[in-house]
Amino acid sequence: MTEEKKEEFRKLLNQRMDALLAEANKTVSGMTDQRENYPDPTDRASMESERNFTLRIRDRERKLIGKIKEAIERLDNGTFGICESCGEEISEERLKARPVTTLCIDCKKKQENEERLRGV
């Protein structure tokens, strides 16, 4: 992979991480600013349900931020774009679609089929 492509992916990863962190900050400030009192139990339950849903999304995003950081580390140490399973190059199209991936499409399909067979 050329240095130019590596820098493109670094920029893409940093943009995604910045966007995720901005959303997390909005969520935190939104939840701490709200001083709502719902006397109706149904309204309160709806609000709690929405909060739980938002927190689950943010937890998934937190995990994605970790994967983004790992992908940036792989860019730094020269292993970005190399499949962890077979050692072949991961296609640029796959990296553009999912820059945090560590498996080429063939190895990922194989992994998903094995998981499906095990019922995971």
Protein backbone atom coordinates (compact mmCIF):
# COMPACT_ATOMS: atom_id res chain seq x y z
CA MET A 1 0.00 0.00 0.00
CA THR A 2 1.34 3.41 -0.93
CA GLU A 3 2.03 6.10 1.64
CA GLU A 4 -0.61 8.25 -0.04
CA LYS A 5 -3.27 5.55 0.47
CA LYS A 6 -2.17 5.04 4.06
CA GLU A 7 -2.64 8.75 4.73
CA GLU A 8 -6.10 8.64 3.13
CA PHE A 9 -7.09 5.82 5.46
CA ARG A 10 -5.53 7.62 8.46
CA LYS A 11 -7.60 10.70 7.61
CA LEU A 12 -10.77 8.60 7.18
CA LEU A 13 -10.21 6.81 10.50
CA ASN A 14 -9.54 10.06 12.36
CA GLN A 15 -12.66 11.65 10.88
CA ARG A 16 -14.79 8.71 11.98
CA MET A 17 -13.30 8.77 15.45
CA ASP A 18 -13.88 12.53 15.77
CA ALA A 19 -17.51 12.11 14.70
CA LEU A 20 -18.06 9.31 17.22
CA LEU A 21 -16.46 11.31 20.03
CA ALA A 22 -18.60 14.35 19.18
CA GLU A 23 -21.76 12.21 19.38
CA ALA A 24 -20.64 10.78 22.71
CA ASN A 25 -20.06 14.28 24.09
CA LYS A 26 -23.51 15.39 22.91
CA THR A 27 -25.09 12.39 24.60
CA VAL A 28 -23.29 13.01 27.88
CA SER A 29 -24.13 16.70 27.94
CA GLY A 30 -27.72 15.97 26.90
CA MET A 31 -28.22 13.45 29.67
CA THR A 32 -26.63 15.61 32.36
CA ASP A 33 -28.49 18.77 31.33
CA GLN A 34 -31.91 17.18 31.53
CA ARG A 35 -33.68 17.84 34.78
CA GLU A 36 -36.97 16.34 33.71
CA ASN A 37 -39.53 15.11 36.15
CA TYR A 38 -42.16 12.82 34.72
CA PRO A 39 -45.07 12.29 37.07
CA ASP A 40 -46.67 9.88 34.60
CA PRO A 41 -45.05 6.43 34.87
CA THR A 42 -45.61 5.77 31.15
CA ASP A 43 -43.74 8.93 30.15
CA ARG A 44 -40.92 8.07 32.52
CA ALA A 45 -40.72 4.52 31.14
CA SER A 46 -40.53 5.88 27.58
CA MET A 47 -37.74 8.25 28.55
CA GLU A 48 -35.81 5.47 30.28
CA SER A 49 -36.26 3.19 27.30
CA GLU A 50 -34.92 5.88 24.95
CA ARG A 51 -31.97 6.48 27.26
CA ASN A 52 -31.13 2.78 27.42
CA PHE A 53 -31.29 2.55 23.63
CA THR A 54 -29.00 5.56 23.27
CA LEU A 55 -26.55 4.15 25.78
CA ARG A 56 -26.43 0.81 23.95
CA ILE A 57 -25.63 2.65 20.72
CA ARG A 58 -22.90 4.67 22.45
CA ASP A 59 -21.43 1.48 23.91
CA ARG A 60 -21.17 -0.01 20.42
CA GLU A 61 -19.56 3.22 19.24
CA ARG A 62 -17.11 3.05 22.15
CA LYS A 63 -16.04 -0.39 20.96
CA LEU A 64 -15.71 0.97 17.41
CA ILE A 65 -13.44 3.77 18.69
CA GLY A 66 -11.17 1.08 20.15
CA LYS A 67 -11.07 -0.68 16.79
CA ILE A 68 -10.28 2.61 15.06
CA LYS A 69 -7.36 3.18 17.44
CA GLU A 70 -6.09 -0.34 16.70
CA ALA A 71 -6.37 0.33 12.95
CA ILE A 72 -4.32 3.52 13.35
CA GLU A 73 -1.70 1.51 15.26
CA ARG A 74 -1.62 -0.99 12.37
CA LEU A 75 -1.06 1.95 10.00
CA ASP A 76 1.86 3.05 12.18
CA ASN A 77 3.48 -0.38 12.36
CA GLY A 78 2.88 -1.32 8.72
CA THR A 79 0.36 -4.14 9.17
CA PHE A 80 -2.73 -2.20 8.06
CA GLY A 81 -4.47 -3.88 5.15
CA ILE A 82 -2.93 -7.30 5.80
CA CYS A 83 -5.29 -10.15 6.71
CA GLU A 84 -4.57 -11.54 10.18
CA SER A 85 -5.66 -15.00 9.11
CA CYS A 86 -4.07 -15.67 5.72
CA GLY A 87 -1.52 -12.84 5.46
CA GLU A 88 -2.83 -11.66 2.10
CA GLU A 89 -3.64 -8.04 1.30
CA ILE A 90 -7.16 -6.90 2.10
CA SER A 91 -8.80 -5.29 -0.93
CA GLU A 92 -8.95 -1.54 -1.01
CA GLU A 93 -12.72 -1.67 -1.57
CA ARG A 94 -13.16 -3.66 1.64
CA LEU A 95 -10.92 -1.27 3.56
CA LYS A 96 -12.91 1.70 2.28
CA ALA A 97 -16.16 0.07 3.39
CA ARG A 98 -14.78 -1.10 6.75
CA PRO A 99 -11.36 0.40 7.49
CA VAL A 100 -11.15 -1.29 10.90
CA THR A 101 -11.29 -4.79 9.41
CA THR A 102 -8.52 -7.25 10.10
CA LEU A 103 -9.68 -10.01 7.76
CA CYS A 104 -9.94 -10.23 3.99
CA ILE A 105 -13.38 -10.97 2.60
CA ASP A 106 -12.67 -14.68 2.07
CA CYS A 107 -11.44 -15.20 5.64
CA LYS A 108 -14.35 -13.18 7.03
CA LYS A 109 -16.85 -15.31 5.10
CA LYS A 110 -15.15 -18.43 6.42
CA GLN A 111 -15.28 -17.09 9.98
CA GLU A 112 -18.97 -16.20 9.67
CA ASN A 113 -19.80 -19.66 8.27
CA GLU A 114 -17.97 -21.32 11.16
CA GLU A 115 -19.84 -19.13 13.66
CA ARG A 116 -23.13 -19.98 12.00
CA LEU A 117 -22.36 -23.71 12.23
CA ARG A 118 -21.51 -23.37 15.93
CA GLY A 119 -24.66 -21.32 16.52
CA VAL A 120 -22.81 -18.28 17.82
